[in-house]
Amino acid sequence: MIVTVTPNPSLDRTYEVPSLERGQVVRATGERMDPGGKGVNVSRAVAAAGRRTVAVLPLGGAPGALVADLLDAQGIDVAPVPVAGATRSNIALAEADGVLTKINAPGPELSSEEQELLLETVRRQSRGADWIACCGSLPRGLAPSWYADLVARAHEAGVRIALDTSGPALLEALRERPDLVKPNAAELAEAVGRSLATVGDAVKAAEELRGLGARTVLASLGADGQLLVDGAGAWFGSARVDAVRSNVGAGDSSLAGFLIAGGTGPEALALAVAHGAAAVQLPGSLMPTPADLDPAAVTVTADVPVDRALTEPVT
């Protein structure tokens, strides 16, 4: 069972529009509502794979109630933490040519009592869990050290914890030695304070994060693949993708695949790559089911192509 923690969830409204013209009335041709947030997406991917997951998240107001209903409809156990402020509502405008414009609200500010209740709810729900996955940015009111506190509490309870965040929150949490961190290329570059031009640069950056406290680093390198670095070595995984339809939630799907497979070693990397490749070939933020996976399209090797230039170098 995998517990996810999303400190700043959202109700995501997506409108399909022919084109976006500033200052004009734009008539949508389609719309949908989804529960949003990186941890929420991990739970959705775990549930789509037929595994049990519990989503812990602060919820408030009518948007929060809708998020809970949407998750419940997808077979996800919800452990809500009531908060005074309303859950944020995000808007995405999807144009016919594939351009996506997103407007993300800041979300409510959590009081000290709500913050502690969130931590306590995670503690209660994580009994017997295989992993806790903490994902996304922190809402207003939470200090960058909040994730570090959560990692420390998880380890005191004997539960493994995966962290997908960035900036000061990531750096603060590293001192508590999270079992897994999952940056993308930009977050990896930000964490080490230098640009990444090759796969080898990403390997060195991942090793640096391990030196700062991360036990395992699973790095998403976009179209180039994924990199796994732990105490046993480094592996590189990639997959054949016929057509990219949407990369929304692909990294979250990859993390779900990695944790479903046990969260360690090249076999878990292979399932992470398979989940990520399947997700980008699905529309919107749909999460792949086992039927969508194509393990034969995945390659994992310990012969990491360190000299390969990244398709999208990070400066």
C-alpha atoms as a PDB file:
ATOM      1  CA  MET A   1       0.000   0.000   0.000  1.00  0.00           C
ATOM      2  CA  ILE A   2       1.283   3.440  -0.934  1.00  0.00           C
ATOM      3  CA  VAL A   3       0.350   6.582   0.984  1.00  0.00           C
ATOM      4  CA  THR A   4       0.650   9.853  -0.899  1.00  0.00           C
ATOM      5  CA  VAL A   5       0.901  13.311   0.637  1.00  0.00           C
ATOM      6  CA  THR A   6      -0.104  16.372  -1.393  1.00  0.00           C
ATOM      7  CA  PRO A   7       0.270  19.511   0.765  1.00  0.00           C
ATOM      8  CA  ASN A   8      -1.178  21.831  -1.896  1.00  0.00           C
ATOM      9  CA  PRO A   9      -3.785  19.911  -3.951  1.00  0.00           C
ATOM     10  CA  SER A  10      -6.029  21.484  -6.538  1.00  0.00           C
ATOM     11  CA  LEU A  11      -9.196  21.157  -8.525  1.00  0.00           C
ATOM     12  CA  ASP A  12      -8.000  21.313 -12.124  1.00  0.00           C
ATOM     13  CA  ARG A  13     -10.355  22.637 -14.788  1.00  0.00           C
ATOM     14  CA  THR A  14      -9.246  22.128 -18.390  1.00  0.00           C
ATOM     15  CA  TYR A  15     -10.936  23.957 -21.268  1.00  0.00           C
ATOM     16  CA  GLU A  16     -10.325  23.048 -24.895  1.00  0.00           C
ATOM     17  CA  VAL A  17     -10.316  26.137 -27.114  1.00  0.00           C
ATOM     18  CA  PRO A  18      -9.677  26.626 -30.851  1.00  0.00           C
ATOM     19  CA  SER A  19      -7.139  29.358 -30.082  1.00  0.00           C
ATOM     20  CA  LEU A  20      -6.388  31.829 -27.325  1.00  0.00           C
ATOM     21  CA  GLU A  21      -6.861  35.502 -28.111  1.00  0.00           C
ATOM     22  CA  ARG A  22      -6.228  38.056 -25.387  1.00  0.00           C
ATOM     23  CA  GLY A  23      -9.084  40.451 -24.719  1.00  0.00           C
ATOM     24  CA  GLN A  24     -11.615  38.390 -26.673  1.00  0.00           C
ATOM     25  CA  VAL A  25     -14.479  36.100 -25.670  1.00  0.00           C
ATOM     26  CA  VAL A  26     -13.198  32.555 -26.223  1.00  0.00           C
ATOM     27  CA  ARG A  27     -15.766  29.764 -26.485  1.00  0.00           C
ATOM     28  CA  ALA A  28     -14.609  26.384 -25.213  1.00  0.00           C
ATOM     29  CA  THR A  29     -15.242  23.283 -27.299  1.00  0.00           C
ATOM     30  CA  GLY A  30     -14.750  20.916 -24.369  1.00  0.00           C
ATOM     31  CA  GLU A  31     -14.089  20.886 -20.646  1.00  0.00           C
ATOM     32  CA  ARG A  32     -13.167  18.499 -17.839  1.00  0.00           C
ATOM     33  CA  MET A  33     -12.447  18.524 -14.124  1.00  0.00           C
ATOM     34  CA  ASP A  34      -9.709  16.484 -12.454  1.00  0.00           C
ATOM     35  CA  PRO A  35      -8.246  16.237  -8.975  1.00  0.00           C
ATOM     36  CA  GLY A  36      -4.801  17.821  -9.171  1.00  0.00           C
ATOM     37  CA  GLY A  37      -1.450  17.818  -7.444  1.00  0.00           C
ATOM     38  CA  LYS A  38       1.632  15.628  -7.856  1.00  0.00           C
ATOM     39  CA  GLY A  39       0.823  13.307  -4.951  1.00  0.00           C
ATOM     40  CA  VAL A  40      -2.763  13.025  -6.162  1.00  0.00           C
ATOM     41  CA  ASN A  41      -1.454  11.967  -9.580  1.00  0.00           C
ATOM     42  CA  VAL A  42       0.747   9.300  -7.985  1.00  0.00           C
ATOM     43  CA  SER A  43      -2.305   7.906  -6.172  1.00  0.00           C
ATOM     44  CA  ARG A  44      -4.287   7.966  -9.425  1.00  0.00           C
ATOM     45  CA  ALA A  45      -1.521   6.018 -11.194  1.00  0.00           C
ATOM     46  CA  VAL A  46      -1.248   3.491  -8.353  1.00  0.00           C
ATOM     47  CA  ALA A  47      -5.031   2.983  -8.375  1.00  0.00           C
ATOM     48  CA  ALA A  48      -5.034   2.621 -12.173  1.00  0.00           C
ATOM     49  CA  ALA A  49      -2.505  -0.196 -11.722  1.00  0.00           C
ATOM     50  CA  GLY A  50      -4.954  -1.972  -9.412  1.00  0.00           C
ATOM     51  CA  ARG A  51      -3.017  -1.308  -6.208  1.00  0.00           C
ATOM     52  CA  ARG A  52      -4.260   0.209  -2.964  1.00  0.00           C
ATOM     53  CA  THR A  53      -3.379   3.797  -2.173  1.00  0.00           C
ATOM     54  CA  VAL A  54      -4.401   6.388   0.404  1.00  0.00           C
ATOM     55  CA  ALA A  55      -4.251  10.073  -0.506  1.00  0.00           C
ATOM     56  CA  VAL A  56      -3.595  12.412   2.417  1.00  0.00           C
ATOM     57  CA  LEU A  57      -4.301  16.033   1.571  1.00  0.00           C
ATOM     58  CA  PRO A  58      -5.688  19.236   3.109  1.00  0.00           C
ATOM     59  CA  LEU A  59      -9.111  20.031   1.697  1.00  0.00           C
ATOM     60  CA  GLY A  60     -11.369  23.022   2.183  1.00  0.00           C
ATOM     61  CA  GLY A  61     -14.500  24.575   0.729  1.00  0.00           C
ATOM     62  CA  ALA A  62     -16.516  23.426  -2.273  1.00  0.00           C
ATOM     63  CA  PRO A  63     -13.410  22.758  -4.443  1.00  0.00           C
ATOM     64  CA  GLY A  64     -12.015  20.488  -1.722  1.00  0.00           C
ATOM     65  CA  ALA A  65     -15.255  18.515  -1.565  1.00  0.00           C
ATOM     66  CA  LEU A  66     -15.154  18.047  -5.339  1.00  0.00           C
ATOM     67  CA  VAL A  67     -11.546  16.812  -5.187  1.00  0.00           C
ATOM     68  CA  ALA A  68     -12.535  14.212  -2.583  1.00  0.00           C
ATOM     69  CA  ASP A  69     -15.516  13.052  -4.676  1.00  0.00           C
ATOM     70  CA  LEU A  70     -13.402  12.758  -7.832  1.00  0.00           C
ATOM     71  CA  LEU A  71     -10.739  10.709  -6.051  1.00  0.00           C
ATOM     72  CA  ASP A  72     -13.330   8.444  -4.460  1.00  0.00           C
ATOM     73  CA  ALA A  73     -14.826   7.793  -7.892  1.00  0.00           C
ATOM     74  CA  GLN A  74     -11.407   6.532  -9.025  1.00  0.00           C
ATOM     75  CA  GLY A  75     -11.183   4.022  -6.187  1.00  0.00           C
ATOM     76  CA  ILE A  76      -8.735   6.030  -4.097  1.00  0.00           C
ATOM     77  CA  ASP A  77      -9.041   6.099  -0.317  1.00  0.00           C
ATOM     78  CA  VAL A  78      -9.029   9.744   0.782  1.00  0.00           C
ATOM     79  CA  ALA A  79      -7.753  10.882   4.184  1.00  0.00           C
ATOM     80  CA  PRO A  80      -8.793  14.546   4.177  1.00  0.00           C
ATOM     81  CA  VAL A  81      -7.382  17.135   6.553  1.00  0.00           C
ATOM     82  CA  PRO A  82     -10.042  19.852   6.966  1.00  0.00           C
ATOM     83  CA  VAL A  83      -8.689  23.382   6.526  1.00  0.00           C
ATOM     84  CA  ALA A  84     -10.355  26.764   6.783  1.00  0.00           C
ATOM     85  CA  GLY A  85      -9.237  28.022   3.376  1.00  0.00           C
ATOM     86  CA  ALA A  86     -10.678  26.752   0.107  1.00  0.00           C
ATOM     87  CA  THR A  87      -8.668  24.283  -1.961  1.00  0.00           C
ATOM     88  CA  ARG A  88      -7.189  26.079  -4.965  1.00  0.00           C
ATOM     89  CA  SER A  89      -8.738  25.827  -8.423  1.00  0.00           C
ATOM     90  CA  ASN A  90      -6.339  25.758 -11.378  1.00  0.00           C
ATOM     91  CA  ILE A  91      -7.242  26.490 -14.993  1.00  0.00           C
ATOM     92  CA  ALA A  92      -5.653  25.008 -18.109  1.00  0.00           C
ATOM     93  CA  LEU A  93      -6.436  26.277 -21.621  1.00  0.00           C
ATOM     94  CA  ALA A  94      -5.638  23.667 -24.265  1.00  0.00           C
ATOM     95  CA  GLU A  95      -5.482  25.064 -27.802  1.00  0.00           C
ATOM     96  CA  ALA A  96      -6.107  22.995 -30.908  1.00  0.00           C
ATOM     97  CA  ASP A  97      -2.434  23.238 -31.955  1.00  0.00           C
ATOM     98  CA  GLY A  98      -1.312  21.580 -28.715  1.00  0.00           C
ATOM     99  CA  VAL A  99      -0.238  24.711 -26.830  1.00  0.00           C
ATOM    100  CA  LEU A 100      -1.238  24.514 -23.152  1.00  0.00           C
ATOM    101  CA  THR A 101      -1.606  27.619 -20.970  1.00  0.00           C
ATOM    102  CA  LYS A 102      -1.912  27.001 -17.235  1.00  0.00           C
ATOM    103  CA  ILE A 103      -3.033  29.353 -14.482  1.00  0.00           C
ATOM    104  CA  ASN A 104      -2.175  27.963 -11.045  1.00  0.00           C
ATOM    105  CA  ALA A 105      -3.687  29.550  -7.952  1.00  0.00           C
ATOM    106  CA  PRO A 106      -1.567  29.898  -4.788  1.00  0.00           C
ATOM    107  CA  GLY A 107      -3.856  27.867  -2.542  1.00  0.00           C
ATOM    108  CA  PRO A 108      -4.862  28.395   1.089  1.00  0.00           C
ATOM    109  CA  GLU A 109      -2.492  29.302   3.901  1.00  0.00           C
ATOM    110  CA  LEU A 110      -2.332  26.545   6.517  1.00  0.00           C
ATOM    111  CA  SER A 111      -2.350  27.452  10.200  1.00  0.00           C
ATOM    112  CA  SER A 112       0.076  25.843  12.647  1.00  0.00           C
ATOM    113  CA  GLU A 113      -2.749  23.620  13.913  1.00  0.00           C
ATOM    114  CA  GLU A 114      -3.625  22.507  10.385  1.00  0.00           C
ATOM    115  CA  GLN A 115       0.023  21.780   9.642  1.00  0.00           C
ATOM    116  CA  GLU A 116       0.330  19.561  12.711  1.00  0.00           C
ATOM    117  CA  LEU A 117      -2.938  17.798  11.886  1.00  0.00           C
ATOM    118  CA  LEU A 118      -1.590  17.070   8.407  1.00  0.00           C
ATOM    119  CA  LEU A 119       1.538  15.469   9.893  1.00  0.00           C
ATOM    120  CA  GLU A 120      -0.523  13.475  12.387  1.00  0.00           C
ATOM    121  CA  THR A 121      -2.850  12.224   9.642  1.00  0.00           C
ATOM    122  CA  VAL A 122       0.144  11.007   7.630  1.00  0.00           C
ATOM    123  CA  ARG A 123       1.411   9.189  10.721  1.00  0.00           C
ATOM    124  CA  ARG A 124      -1.910   7.425  11.271  1.00  0.00           C
ATOM    125  CA  GLN A 125      -2.423   6.469   7.636  1.00  0.00           C
ATOM    126  CA  SER A 126       1.120   5.192   7.098  1.00  0.00           C
ATOM    127  CA  ARG A 127       0.803   2.256   9.490  1.00  0.00           C
ATOM    128  CA  GLY A 128       1.553  -0.807   7.397  1.00  0.00           C
ATOM    129  CA  ALA A 129       2.387   1.240   4.292  1.00  0.00           C
ATOM    130  CA  ASP A 130       5.132   0.130   1.930  1.00  0.00           C
ATOM    131  CA  TRP A 131       5.957   3.715   0.961  1.00  0.00           C
ATOM    132  CA  ILE A 132       4.990   7.290   1.685  1.00  0.00           C
ATOM    133  CA  ALA A 133       5.254   9.510  -1.396  1.00  0.00           C
ATOM    134  CA  CYS A 134       5.379  13.250  -0.615  1.00  0.00           C
ATOM    135  CA  CYS A 135       4.967  15.335  -3.720  1.00  0.00           C
ATOM    136  CA  GLY A 136       4.681  18.890  -4.924  1.00  0.00           C
ATOM    137  CA  SER A 137       5.201  22.400  -3.680  1.00  0.00           C
ATOM    138  CA  LEU A 138       4.398  23.539  -0.169  1.00  0.00           C
ATOM    139  CA  PRO A 139       1.405  25.815   0.419  1.00  0.00           C
ATOM    140  CA  ARG A 140       1.592  29.134   2.177  1.00  0.00           C
ATOM    141  CA  GLY A 141       2.268  28.775   5.870  1.00  0.00           C
ATOM    142  CA  LEU A 142       4.539  25.732   5.604  1.00  0.00           C
ATOM    143  CA  ALA A 143       8.252  26.372   6.108  1.00  0.00           C
ATOM    144  CA  PRO A 144      10.769  24.732   3.747  1.00  0.00           C
ATOM    145  CA  SER A 145      11.709  22.448   6.659  1.00  0.00           C
ATOM    146  CA  TRP A 146       8.212  20.873   6.747  1.00  0.00           C
ATOM    147  CA  TYR A 147       9.168  18.035   4.408  1.00  0.00           C
ATOM    148  CA  ALA A 148      12.310  17.407   6.496  1.00  0.00           C
ATOM    149  CA  ASP A 149      10.098  16.999   9.559  1.00  0.00           C
ATOM    150  CA  LEU A 150       7.869  14.588   7.651  1.00  0.00           C
ATOM    151  CA  VAL A 151      10.849  12.489   6.498  1.00  0.00           C
ATOM    152  CA  ALA A 152      12.150  12.291  10.086  1.00  0.00           C
ATOM    153  CA  ARG A 153       8.749  11.181  11.392  1.00  0.00           C
ATOM    154  CA  ALA A 154       8.396   8.557   8.669  1.00  0.00           C
ATOM    155  CA  HIS A 155      11.757   7.053   9.537  1.00  0.00           C
ATOM    156  CA  GLU A 156      10.876   7.025  13.230  1.00  0.00           C
ATOM    157  CA  ALA A 157       7.827   4.959  12.268  1.00  0.00           C
ATOM    158  CA  GLY A 158       9.953   2.629  10.134  1.00  0.00           C
ATOM    159  CA  VAL A 159       8.365   3.603   6.808  1.00  0.00           C
ATOM    160  CA  ARG A 160      10.264   4.334   3.600  1.00  0.00           C
ATOM    161  CA  ILE A 161       9.629   7.759   2.114  1.00  0.00           C
ATOM    162  CA  ALA A 162       9.928   9.149  -1.415  1.00  0.00           C
ATOM    163  CA  LEU A 163      10.124  12.887  -2.042  1.00  0.00           C
ATOM    164  CA  ASP A 164       9.273  14.748  -5.236  1.00  0.00           C
ATOM    165  CA  THR A 165       9.774  18.449  -4.622  1.00  0.00           C
ATOM    166  CA  SER A 166      12.333  21.128  -5.422  1.00  0.00           C
ATOM    167  CA  GLY A 167      14.160  24.209  -4.197  1.00  0.00           C
ATOM    168  CA  PRO A 168      14.727  24.882  -0.496  1.00  0.00           C
ATOM    169  CA  ALA A 169      12.183  22.214   0.522  1.00  0.00           C
ATOM    170  CA  LEU A 170      14.256  19.529  -1.228  1.00  0.00           C
ATOM    171  CA  LEU A 171      17.566  20.759   0.153  1.00  0.00           C
ATOM    172  CA  GLU A 172      16.178  20.968   3.691  1.00  0.00           C
ATOM    173  CA  ALA A 173      14.797  17.435   3.484  1.00  0.00           C
ATOM    174  CA  LEU A 174      18.086  15.909   2.309  1.00  0.00           C
ATOM    175  CA  ARG A 175      19.571  16.239   5.788  1.00  0.00           C
ATOM    176  CA  GLU A 176      17.018  13.658   7.003  1.00  0.00           C
ATOM    177  CA  ARG A 177      18.158  11.155   4.346  1.00  0.00           C
ATOM    178  CA  PRO A 178      14.966  10.438   2.359  1.00  0.00           C
ATOM    179  CA  ASP A 179      14.929   6.953   0.850  1.00  0.00           C
ATOM    180  CA  LEU A 180      14.209   8.320  -2.612  1.00  0.00           C
ATOM    181  CA  VAL A 181      14.142  11.715  -4.297  1.00  0.00           C
ATOM    182  CA  LYS A 182      12.723  12.206  -7.778  1.00  0.00           C
ATOM    183  CA  PRO A 183      13.825  15.428  -9.474  1.00  0.00           C
ATOM    184  CA  ASN A 184      13.417  16.272 -13.120  1.00  0.00           C
ATOM    185  CA  ALA A 185      16.379  17.692 -15.020  1.00  0.00           C
ATOM    186  CA  ALA A 186      15.598  21.315 -14.152  1.00  0.00           C
ATOM    187  CA  GLU A 187      15.125  20.515 -10.448  1.00  0.00           C
ATOM    188  CA  LEU A 188      18.333  18.491 -10.444  1.00  0.00           C
ATOM    189  CA  ALA A 189      20.273  21.403 -11.964  1.00  0.00           C
ATOM    190  CA  GLU A 190      18.734  23.834  -9.479  1.00  0.00           C
ATOM    191  CA  ALA A 191      19.671  21.615  -6.542  1.00  0.00           C
ATOM    192  CA  VAL A 192      23.354  21.476  -7.481  1.00  0.00           C
ATOM    193  CA  GLY A 193      23.544  25.027  -8.816  1.00  0.00           C
ATOM    194  CA  ARG A 194      24.915  24.305 -12.281  1.00  0.00           C
ATOM    195  CA  SER A 195      23.765  23.521 -15.801  1.00  0.00           C
ATOM    196  CA  LEU A 196      23.307  20.017 -17.207  1.00  0.00           C
ATOM    197  CA  ALA A 197      24.252  19.379 -20.817  1.00  0.00           C
ATOM    198  CA  THR A 198      24.799  15.601 -20.907  1.00  0.00           C
ATOM    199  CA  VAL A 199      23.576  12.449 -19.230  1.00  0.00           C
ATOM    200  CA  GLY A 200      26.951  12.345 -17.496  1.00  0.00           C
ATOM    201  CA  ASP A 201      26.284  15.782 -15.985  1.00  0.00           C
ATOM    202  CA  ALA A 202      23.007  14.409 -14.607  1.00  0.00           C
ATOM    203  CA  VAL A 203      24.810  11.387 -13.113  1.00  0.00           C
ATOM    204  CA  LYS A 204      27.276  13.665 -11.308  1.00  0.00           C
ATOM    205  CA  ALA A 205      24.450  15.858 -10.021  1.00  0.00           C
ATOM    206  CA  ALA A 206      22.544  12.792  -8.766  1.00  0.00           C
ATOM    207  CA  GLU A 207      25.660  11.548  -6.984  1.00  0.00           C
ATOM    208  CA  GLU A 208      25.990  14.965  -5.381  1.00  0.00           C
ATOM    209  CA  LEU A 209      22.428  14.709  -4.051  1.00  0.00           C
ATOM    210  CA  ARG A 210      23.319  11.338  -2.602  1.00  0.00           C
ATOM    211  CA  GLY A 211      26.287  12.968  -0.923  1.00  0.00           C
ATOM    212  CA  LEU A 212      23.906  15.490   0.622  1.00  0.00           C
ATOM    213  CA  GLY A 213      21.688  12.758   2.045  1.00  0.00           C
ATOM    214  CA  ALA A 214      19.449  11.166  -0.606  1.00  0.00           C
ATOM    215  CA  ARG A 215      19.734   7.398  -0.505  1.00  0.00           C
ATOM    216  CA  THR A 216      18.419   6.929  -4.043  1.00  0.00           C
ATOM    217  CA  VAL A 217      17.912   9.396  -6.889  1.00  0.00           C
ATOM    218  CA  LEU A 218      15.415   8.729  -9.683  1.00  0.00           C
ATOM    219  CA  ALA A 219      15.836  11.551 -12.191  1.00  0.00           C
ATOM    220  CA  SER A 220      13.491  12.214 -15.104  1.00  0.00           C
ATOM    221  CA  LEU A 221      15.396  13.518 -18.133  1.00  0.00           C
ATOM    222  CA  GLY A 222      12.383  14.221 -20.323  1.00  0.00           C
ATOM    223  CA  ALA A 223      12.492  12.682 -23.787  1.00  0.00           C
ATOM    224  CA  ASP A 224      15.977  11.286 -23.083  1.00  0.00           C
ATOM    225  CA  GLY A 225      14.799   8.808 -20.443  1.00  0.00           C
ATOM    226  CA  GLN A 226      15.336   8.261 -16.738  1.00  0.00           C
ATOM    227  CA  LEU A 227      18.345   7.852 -14.525  1.00  0.00           C
ATOM    228  CA  LEU A 228      18.620   5.787 -11.343  1.00  0.00           C
ATOM    229  CA  VAL A 229      21.556   6.307  -8.987  1.00  0.00           C
ATOM    230  CA  ASP A 230      21.872   4.506  -5.646  1.00  0.00           C
ATOM    231  CA  GLY A 231      24.490   2.855  -3.464  1.00  0.00           C
ATOM    232  CA  ALA A 232      24.795  -0.067  -5.883  1.00  0.00           C
ATOM    233  CA  GLY A 233      25.507   2.013  -8.988  1.00  0.00           C
ATOM    234  CA  ALA A 234      23.793   3.842 -11.819  1.00  0.00           C
ATOM    235  CA  TRP A 235      21.323   2.729 -14.513  1.00  0.00           C
ATOM    236  CA  PHE A 236      19.813   4.461 -17.504  1.00  0.00           C
ATOM    237  CA  GLY A 237      16.358   3.673 -18.854  1.00  0.00           C
ATOM    238  CA  SER A 238      14.572   4.770 -22.012  1.00  0.00           C
ATOM    239  CA  ALA A 239      11.588   3.697 -24.080  1.00  0.00           C
ATOM    240  CA  ARG A 240      10.293   3.941 -27.599  1.00  0.00           C
ATOM    241  CA  VAL A 241       7.384   6.388 -27.804  1.00  0.00           C
ATOM    242  CA  ASP A 242       5.347   6.448 -30.999  1.00  0.00           C
ATOM    243  CA  ALA A 243       3.535   9.745 -30.402  1.00  0.00           C
ATOM    244  CA  VAL A 244       3.434  12.172 -27.497  1.00  0.00           C
ATOM    245  CA  ARG A 245      -0.101  13.353 -26.694  1.00  0.00           C
ATOM    246  CA  SER A 246       0.377  14.887 -23.230  1.00  0.00           C
ATOM    247  CA  ASN A 247       3.193  14.962 -20.701  1.00  0.00           C
ATOM    248  CA  VAL A 248       0.924  16.076 -17.849  1.00  0.00           C
ATOM    249  CA  GLY A 249       1.521  13.763 -14.895  1.00  0.00           C
ATOM    250  CA  ALA A 250       4.042  11.580 -16.730  1.00  0.00           C
ATOM    251  CA  GLY A 251       6.677  12.051 -14.040  1.00  0.00           C
ATOM    252  CA  ASP A 252       4.136  11.236 -11.336  1.00  0.00           C
ATOM    253  CA  SER A 253       3.151   8.088 -13.211  1.00  0.00           C
ATOM    254  CA  SER A 254       6.836   7.118 -13.393  1.00  0.00           C
ATOM    255  CA  LEU A 255       7.219   7.508  -9.635  1.00  0.00           C
ATOM    256  CA  ALA A 256       4.141   5.338  -9.101  1.00  0.00           C
ATOM    257  CA  GLY A 257       5.596   2.630 -11.334  1.00  0.00           C
ATOM    258  CA  PHE A 258       8.904   2.715  -9.479  1.00  0.00           C
ATOM    259  CA  LEU A 259       7.228   2.347  -6.080  1.00  0.00           C
ATOM    260  CA  ILE A 260       4.813  -0.346  -7.281  1.00  0.00           C
ATOM    261  CA  ALA A 261       7.844  -2.398  -8.351  1.00  0.00           C
ATOM    262  CA  GLY A 262       9.379  -2.128  -4.882  1.00  0.00           C
ATOM    263  CA  GLY A 263      11.246   1.148  -5.204  1.00  0.00           C
ATOM    264  CA  THR A 264      14.745  -0.211  -5.742  1.00  0.00           C
ATOM    265  CA  GLY A 265      16.992  -1.463  -8.515  1.00  0.00           C
ATOM    266  CA  PRO A 266      16.891  -1.681 -12.322  1.00  0.00           C
ATOM    267  CA  GLU A 267      13.652  -3.711 -12.373  1.00  0.00           C
ATOM    268  CA  ALA A 268      11.845  -0.842 -10.660  1.00  0.00           C
ATOM    269  CA  LEU A 269      13.459   1.601 -13.094  1.00  0.00           C
ATOM    270  CA  ALA A 270      12.108  -0.450 -16.006  1.00  0.00           C
ATOM    271  CA  LEU A 271       8.546  -0.218 -14.680  1.00  0.00           C
ATOM    272  CA  ALA A 272       8.990   3.511 -14.007  1.00  0.00           C
ATOM    273  CA  VAL A 273      10.062   4.073 -17.622  1.00  0.00           C
ATOM    274  CA  ALA A 274       7.177   1.949 -18.904  1.00  0.00           C
ATOM    275  CA  HIS A 275       4.674   3.986 -16.885  1.00  0.00           C
ATOM    276  CA  GLY A 276       6.141   7.299 -18.017  1.00  0.00           C
ATOM    277  CA  ALA A 277       6.192   6.268 -21.674  1.00  0.00           C
ATOM    278  CA  ALA A 278       2.597   5.059 -21.497  1.00  0.00           C
ATOM    279  CA  ALA A 279       1.429   8.244 -19.776  1.00  0.00           C
ATOM    280  CA  VAL A 280       2.752  10.596 -22.464  1.00  0.00           C
ATOM    281  CA  GLN A 281       0.849   8.649 -25.106  1.00  0.00           C
ATOM    282  CA  LEU A 282      -2.483   9.190 -23.324  1.00  0.00           C
ATOM    283  CA  PRO A 283      -4.615  12.354 -23.549  1.00  0.00           C
ATOM    284  CA  GLY A 284      -4.744  14.957 -20.789  1.00  0.00           C
ATOM    285  CA  SER A 285      -3.807  13.712 -17.344  1.00  0.00           C
ATOM    286  CA  LEU A 286      -5.030  10.136 -17.794  1.00  0.00           C
ATOM    287  CA  MET A 287      -2.931   7.564 -15.936  1.00  0.00           C
ATOM    288  CA  PRO A 288      -1.958   4.293 -17.625  1.00  0.00           C
ATOM    289  CA  THR A 289      -3.467   0.933 -16.743  1.00  0.00           C
ATOM    290  CA  PRO A 290      -1.469  -2.314 -17.061  1.00  0.00           C
ATOM    291  CA  ALA A 291      -2.971  -2.736 -20.545  1.00  0.00           C
ATOM    292  CA  ASP A 292      -1.334   0.534 -21.653  1.00  0.00           C
ATOM    293  CA  LEU A 293       2.185  -0.561 -20.705  1.00  0.00           C
ATOM    294  CA  ASP A 294       4.661  -1.850 -23.294  1.00  0.00           C
ATOM    295  CA  PRO A 295       7.580  -3.471 -21.412  1.00  0.00           C
ATOM    296  CA  ALA A 296       9.142  -4.606 -24.694  1.00  0.00           C
ATOM    297  CA  ALA A 297       9.697  -0.962 -25.673  1.00  0.00           C
ATOM    298  CA  VAL A 298      11.809  -0.312 -22.547  1.00  0.00           C
ATOM    299  CA  THR A 299      15.591  -0.559 -22.357  1.00  0.00           C
ATOM    300  CA  VAL A 300      17.520  -0.400 -19.082  1.00  0.00           C
ATOM    301  CA  THR A 301      21.300  -0.538 -18.971  1.00  0.00           C
ATOM    302  CA  ALA A 302      24.124  -0.152 -16.476  1.00  0.00           C
ATOM    303  CA  ASP A 303      26.235   1.151 -19.367  1.00  0.00           C
ATOM    304  CA  VAL A 304      25.066   4.729 -18.852  1.00  0.00           C
ATOM    305  CA  PRO A 305      25.633   6.885 -21.986  1.00  0.00           C
ATOM    306  CA  VAL A 306      27.432   9.636 -20.082  1.00  0.00           C
ATOM    307  CA  ASP A 307      28.518  11.488 -23.246  1.00  0.00           C
ATOM    308  CA  ARG A 308      25.017  11.700 -24.712  1.00  0.00           C
ATOM    309  CA  ALA A 309      23.834  15.290 -25.029  1.00  0.00           C
ATOM    310  CA  LEU A 310      20.485  16.022 -23.448  1.00  0.00           C
ATOM    311  CA  THR A 311      17.752  16.849 -25.943  1.00  0.00           C
ATOM    312  CA  GLU A 312      16.775  19.774 -23.733  1.00  0.00           C
ATOM    313  CA  PRO A 313      19.899  20.882 -21.836  1.00  0.00           C
ATOM    314  CA  VAL A 314      19.225  22.778 -18.592  1.00  0.00           C
ATOM    315  CA  THR A 315      21.059  26.049 -18.042  1.00  0.00           C
END
